[in-house]
N, C-alpha and C. Protein backbone atom coordinates (compact mmCIF):
# COMPACT_ATOMS: atom_id res chain seq x y z
N MET A 1 14.66 2.06 -9.05
CA MET A 1 16.21 1.85 -9.18
C MET A 1 16.88 3.04 -8.56
N GLU A 2 18.11 2.52 -7.98
CA GLU A 2 18.67 3.24 -7.07
C GLU A 2 19.01 4.62 -7.69
N GLY A 3 19.07 5.88 -6.87
CA GLY A 3 19.22 6.88 -7.41
C GLY A 3 18.20 7.36 -8.14
N ASP A 4 17.16 7.08 -8.62
CA ASP A 4 16.33 7.68 -9.51
C ASP A 4 15.41 8.36 -8.32
N ALA A 5 14.72 9.34 -9.29
CA ALA A 5 13.42 9.88 -8.62
C ALA A 5 12.56 9.47 -8.39
N ALA A 6 11.93 8.63 -8.92
CA ALA A 6 10.73 7.59 -9.00
C ALA A 6 10.56 7.46 -7.75
N MET A 7 8.88 7.71 -7.12
CA MET A 7 8.41 6.86 -6.02
C MET A 7 8.74 5.40 -6.08
N TYR A 8 8.60 5.19 -4.69
CA TYR A 8 9.24 3.63 -4.55
C TYR A 8 8.47 2.72 -3.39
N ILE A 9 7.44 2.00 -3.90
CA ILE A 9 6.49 1.22 -3.26
C ILE A 9 7.11 -0.04 -2.68
N ALA A 10 7.41 -0.60 -1.41
CA ALA A 10 8.03 -1.49 -0.77
C ALA A 10 6.64 -2.30 -0.41
N MET A 11 6.74 -3.99 -0.40
CA MET A 11 5.37 -4.44 -0.13
C MET A 11 5.95 -5.92 0.41
N ASN A 12 5.48 -6.74 1.65
CA ASN A 12 5.82 -7.71 2.12
C ASN A 12 4.46 -8.64 2.59
N ARG A 13 4.56 -9.57 1.72
CA ARG A 13 3.37 -10.29 1.73
C ARG A 13 3.66 -11.48 2.75
N PHE A 14 3.00 -11.73 3.79
CA PHE A 14 2.60 -12.79 4.64
C PHE A 14 1.53 -13.65 4.50
N LYS A 15 1.59 -14.86 5.14
CA LYS A 15 0.68 -15.70 4.93
C LYS A 15 0.77 -16.12 7.01
N ILE A 16 -0.28 -15.69 7.02
CA ILE A 16 -0.72 -16.30 8.54
C ILE A 16 -1.51 -16.71 8.93
N VAL A 17 -1.01 -17.84 9.84
CA VAL A 17 -1.72 -19.12 10.54
C VAL A 17 -3.60 -19.01 10.71
N PRO A 18 -4.17 -19.41 10.47
CA PRO A 18 -5.30 -19.13 10.90
C PRO A 18 -5.91 -19.26 12.23
N GLY A 19 -6.55 -18.44 12.74
CA GLY A 19 -6.81 -18.32 14.36
C GLY A 19 -5.55 -17.18 14.79
N GLU A 20 -4.04 -16.64 13.93
CA GLU A 20 -3.20 -15.69 14.53
C GLU A 20 -3.73 -14.29 13.97
N GLU A 21 -4.88 -14.42 13.29
CA GLU A 21 -4.78 -12.68 12.53
C GLU A 21 -5.07 -11.59 13.43
N ASP A 22 -5.78 -11.70 14.39
CA ASP A 22 -6.03 -11.03 15.92
C ASP A 22 -4.41 -10.26 16.39
N ALA A 23 -4.15 -11.46 16.37
CA ALA A 23 -2.65 -11.12 17.04
C ALA A 23 -1.52 -10.55 16.03
N PHE A 24 -1.35 -11.12 14.92
CA PHE A 24 -0.87 -10.40 14.22
C PHE A 24 -0.59 -8.99 13.99
N GLU A 25 -2.19 -8.50 13.86
CA GLU A 25 -2.57 -7.62 13.59
C GLU A 25 -1.98 -6.45 14.76
N GLN A 26 -2.28 -7.28 15.83
CA GLN A 26 -1.97 -6.18 17.08
C GLN A 26 -0.46 -5.91 17.21
N VAL A 27 0.26 -6.61 16.95
CA VAL A 27 1.58 -6.71 16.81
C VAL A 27 2.29 -5.57 15.70
N TRP A 28 1.53 -5.01 15.33
CA TRP A 28 1.39 -4.41 14.16
C TRP A 28 1.14 -3.00 14.66
N LYS A 29 0.30 -2.67 15.20
CA LYS A 29 -0.70 -1.90 15.77
C LYS A 29 0.29 -1.04 17.07
N GLU A 30 1.09 -2.18 17.71
CA GLU A 30 1.57 -1.77 18.81
C GLU A 30 2.87 -1.58 18.49
N ARG A 31 3.32 -1.65 17.47
CA ARG A 31 4.87 -1.90 17.11
C ARG A 31 5.32 0.05 17.07
N ASP A 32 6.61 0.35 17.37
CA ASP A 32 6.88 1.85 17.33
C ASP A 32 7.96 1.34 15.97
N SER A 33 7.25 2.39 15.29
CA SER A 33 8.18 2.17 13.93
C SER A 33 8.85 3.44 13.29
N ARG A 34 8.22 4.31 14.21
CA ARG A 34 8.44 5.94 13.33
C ARG A 34 8.70 6.02 12.75
N LEU A 35 8.20 5.36 11.44
CA LEU A 35 8.08 6.19 9.86
C LEU A 35 8.04 7.21 9.62
N GLU A 36 7.12 7.94 10.38
CA GLU A 36 6.76 9.22 10.17
C GLU A 36 7.83 10.24 10.19
N GLU A 37 9.06 9.44 11.04
CA GLU A 37 10.03 10.42 11.35
C GLU A 37 11.46 10.21 10.44
N VAL A 38 10.90 8.86 9.31
CA VAL A 38 11.95 8.72 8.72
C VAL A 38 11.92 9.87 7.48
N PRO A 39 13.27 10.21 6.96
CA PRO A 39 13.43 10.77 5.95
C PRO A 39 12.75 10.18 4.61
N GLY A 40 12.09 10.87 3.74
CA GLY A 40 11.51 10.07 2.67
C GLY A 40 10.20 9.08 2.83
N PHE A 41 9.79 9.14 3.96
CA PHE A 41 8.97 8.10 4.03
C PHE A 41 7.40 8.72 3.88
N VAL A 42 6.45 8.39 2.92
CA VAL A 42 5.49 8.75 2.40
C VAL A 42 4.21 8.45 2.99
N GLU A 43 4.28 6.95 2.88
CA GLU A 43 2.53 6.32 3.67
C GLU A 43 2.86 4.85 4.04
N PHE A 44 2.27 4.61 4.73
CA PHE A 44 2.19 3.50 5.50
C PHE A 44 0.66 2.55 4.89
N ARG A 45 0.29 1.14 4.88
CA ARG A 45 -0.66 0.52 5.14
C ARG A 45 -0.49 -0.81 5.46
N LEU A 46 -1.10 -1.85 6.17
CA LEU A 46 -1.43 -2.92 6.32
C LEU A 46 -2.93 -3.42 5.83
N LEU A 47 -2.20 -4.39 5.07
CA LEU A 47 -3.44 -4.76 4.43
C LEU A 47 -3.82 -6.25 4.35
N LYS A 48 -5.58 -6.53 5.09
CA LYS A 48 -5.71 -8.17 4.86
C LYS A 48 -6.44 -8.25 3.57
N GLY A 49 -6.12 -9.44 3.10
CA GLY A 49 -6.41 -10.04 2.20
C GLY A 49 -7.60 -11.55 2.35
N PRO A 50 -7.19 -12.11 1.03
CA PRO A 50 -8.20 -13.32 1.44
C PRO A 50 -7.91 -14.46 2.66
N ALA A 51 -8.66 -15.14 3.01
CA ALA A 51 -8.29 -16.74 3.97
C ALA A 51 -8.56 -17.29 2.87
N ASN A 52 -7.49 -18.18 3.39
CA ASN A 52 -7.59 -19.53 2.46
C ASN A 52 -7.50 -20.62 3.71
N ASP A 53 -7.81 -21.84 3.44
CA ASP A 53 -7.68 -23.13 4.56
C ASP A 53 -6.82 -22.91 5.15
N ASP A 54 -5.53 -23.07 4.57
CA ASP A 54 -4.14 -22.86 5.33
C ASP A 54 -3.36 -21.34 5.93
N HIS A 55 -3.92 -20.31 5.02
CA HIS A 55 -3.79 -19.30 5.77
C HIS A 55 -4.40 -17.77 5.38
N THR A 56 -4.40 -17.10 5.97
CA THR A 56 -4.79 -15.15 5.61
C THR A 56 -3.29 -14.86 5.05
N LEU A 57 -3.92 -14.02 4.30
CA LEU A 57 -2.90 -13.26 3.25
C LEU A 57 -3.12 -11.71 3.73
N PHE A 58 -1.64 -11.12 4.48
CA PHE A 58 -1.90 -9.89 4.64
C PHE A 58 -0.39 -9.26 3.86
N ALA A 59 -0.21 -7.92 3.59
CA ALA A 59 0.62 -6.96 2.90
C ALA A 59 0.71 -5.84 3.79
N SER A 60 2.34 -5.61 4.07
CA SER A 60 2.14 -4.64 4.43
C SER A 60 2.92 -3.59 3.52
N HIS A 61 2.09 -1.89 3.19
CA HIS A 61 2.52 -1.69 1.89
C HIS A 61 3.24 0.11 2.42
N THR A 62 4.65 0.43 1.97
CA THR A 62 4.86 1.27 1.97
C THR A 62 5.68 2.20 1.07
N ILE A 63 4.88 3.62 0.93
CA ILE A 63 5.66 4.45 -0.02
C ILE A 63 6.67 5.60 0.39
N TRP A 64 7.61 5.08 -0.49
CA TRP A 64 8.50 6.42 0.15
C TRP A 64 8.97 7.14 -1.10
N GLN A 65 9.34 8.32 -1.11
CA GLN A 65 9.67 9.46 -2.52
C GLN A 65 10.72 9.10 -3.02
N ASN A 66 11.35 7.90 -2.86
CA ASN A 66 12.14 7.37 -3.89
C ASN A 66 13.03 6.02 -2.99
N TYR A 67 13.21 5.12 -4.27
CA TYR A 67 14.15 3.85 -3.70
C TYR A 67 15.44 4.33 -2.49
N ASP A 68 16.40 5.32 -2.94
CA ASP A 68 17.05 5.51 -1.73
C ASP A 68 16.84 5.72 -0.50
N ALA A 69 15.56 6.37 -0.46
CA ALA A 69 14.86 6.83 1.06
C ALA A 69 14.57 5.49 1.33
N PHE A 70 13.66 4.66 1.25
CA PHE A 70 13.65 2.94 1.51
C PHE A 70 14.87 2.54 1.60
N GLU A 71 15.83 2.58 0.69
CA GLU A 71 17.43 1.48 1.14
C GLU A 71 18.23 2.46 2.43
N ALA A 72 17.88 3.65 2.77
CA ALA A 72 18.19 4.12 3.84
C ALA A 72 17.16 3.96 5.00
N TRP A 73 16.34 3.34 4.47
CA TRP A 73 15.70 3.01 6.26
C TRP A 73 15.91 1.64 6.50
N THR A 74 16.39 0.89 5.46
CA THR A 74 16.34 -0.73 5.95
C THR A 74 17.82 -0.76 6.67
N LYS A 75 18.54 0.28 6.40
CA LYS A 75 20.14 0.28 7.48
C LYS A 75 20.38 1.27 8.19
N SER A 76 18.69 1.59 8.86
CA SER A 76 18.82 2.22 9.94
C SER A 76 18.30 1.91 11.31
N GLU A 77 18.85 2.25 12.46
CA GLU A 77 18.25 2.44 13.48
C GLU A 77 17.00 2.00 13.75
N ALA A 78 16.83 2.99 13.69
CA ALA A 78 14.80 2.81 13.36
C ALA A 78 14.15 1.59 12.93
N PHE A 79 14.34 1.21 11.81
CA PHE A 79 14.35 -0.31 11.04
C PHE A 79 14.91 -1.43 12.07
N ARG A 80 15.87 -1.47 12.85
CA ARG A 80 16.32 -2.23 13.69
C ARG A 80 15.45 -2.87 14.59
N ARG A 81 15.18 -1.35 15.32
CA ARG A 81 14.18 -1.59 16.50
C ARG A 81 12.81 -1.74 16.18
N ALA A 82 11.87 -1.32 14.65
CA ALA A 82 10.45 -1.69 14.63
C ALA A 82 10.50 -3.05 14.20
N HIS A 83 11.81 -4.47 13.82
CA HIS A 83 11.83 -5.35 13.59
C HIS A 83 11.90 -6.08 14.68
N GLU A 84 12.46 -5.44 16.17
CA GLU A 84 12.89 -6.30 16.87
C GLU A 84 11.84 -7.39 17.56
N GLY A 85 12.11 -8.57 17.82
CA GLY A 85 11.34 -9.49 18.44
C GLY A 85 10.44 -10.48 16.98
N ALA A 86 11.16 -9.98 15.64
CA ALA A 86 10.21 -10.84 14.98
C ALA A 86 10.30 -12.48 14.85
N GLY A 87 11.50 -12.40 15.02
CA GLY A 87 11.63 -14.12 15.20
C GLY A 87 11.19 -14.64 16.13
N ASP A 88 10.65 -13.91 17.19
CA ASP A 88 9.81 -14.87 18.10
C ASP A 88 8.62 -15.37 18.18
N ARG A 89 8.05 -14.64 16.90
CA ARG A 89 6.71 -14.60 16.50
C ARG A 89 6.47 -15.69 14.95
N ARG A 90 7.37 -16.48 15.22
CA ARG A 90 7.27 -17.62 13.97
C ARG A 90 6.15 -18.52 13.83
N LYS A 91 5.36 -18.76 15.24
CA LYS A 91 4.24 -19.47 15.27
C LYS A 91 3.23 -18.78 14.42
N MET A 92 3.31 -17.41 13.88
CA MET A 92 2.18 -16.72 13.18
C MET A 92 2.01 -16.79 12.11
N TYR A 93 3.38 -17.43 11.55
CA TYR A 93 3.59 -17.59 10.25
C TYR A 93 3.55 -18.70 9.28
N LEU A 94 3.10 -18.83 7.85
CA LEU A 94 3.28 -19.95 7.44
C LEU A 94 4.68 -19.78 6.42
N GLY A 95 5.64 -19.68 6.68
CA GLY A 95 6.94 -19.65 5.49
C GLY A 95 7.21 -17.91 6.21
N HIS A 96 7.93 -17.87 5.27
CA HIS A 96 9.17 -16.46 5.09
C HIS A 96 7.75 -15.12 4.58
N PRO A 97 8.01 -13.95 4.96
CA PRO A 97 7.59 -12.88 4.65
C PRO A 97 8.50 -12.62 3.36
N GLN A 98 7.60 -12.18 2.11
CA GLN A 98 8.08 -12.20 0.75
C GLN A 98 8.22 -10.86 0.39
N PHE A 99 9.13 -10.16 0.41
CA PHE A 99 9.38 -8.88 -0.20
C PHE A 99 9.54 -8.90 -1.89
N GLU A 100 8.55 -7.72 -2.18
CA GLU A 100 8.26 -7.35 -3.55
C GLU A 100 8.66 -5.70 -3.48
N GLY A 101 9.11 -5.12 -4.22
CA GLY A 101 9.49 -3.47 -4.42
C GLY A 101 9.34 -3.34 -5.87
N PHE A 102 8.54 -1.83 -6.21
CA PHE A 102 8.05 -1.42 -7.05
C PHE A 102 8.36 -0.22 -7.41
N GLU A 103 8.81 0.39 -8.15
CA GLU A 103 9.12 1.54 -8.87
C GLU A 103 8.17 1.96 -9.46
N VAL A 104 7.63 3.34 -8.73
CA VAL A 104 6.14 3.81 -9.48
C VAL A 104 6.50 4.83 -11.38
N VAL A 105 5.97 4.35 -11.73
CA VAL A 105 6.00 4.53 -13.59
C VAL A 105 4.74 5.24 -13.70
N GLN A 106 3.83 5.21 -13.16
CA GLN A 106 2.57 5.87 -13.68
C GLN A 106 1.80 6.36 -12.13
N GLU A 107 1.28 7.56 -11.88
CA GLU A 107 0.15 8.37 -10.77
C GLU A 107 -0.51 8.79 -11.64
N ILE A 108 -2.07 8.39 -10.82
CA ILE A 108 -3.10 9.54 -11.43
C ILE A 108 -3.37 9.73 -10.24
């Protein structure tokens, strides 16, 4: 929630065309995200999920100190630089990424 102090998790789910998994992973490993320099950034993970007949599921998973920090990142020059050329790699994707945002309500 905007202005709330709760940690915020931002996830994007990607359906990757079979045979494009290694190239997709390489794009993420080589990109210059500079996340560690962004105020409020806590942690990033790229997750590889199950493979189906028509795609392999991946998810990007970032943890932020709060929603405001995440929102500031999405409006930053660093965000624009990190996402440069994304449209050039459409052949890797089965559809558009699906965004999901979560406010942390319990942490153990």
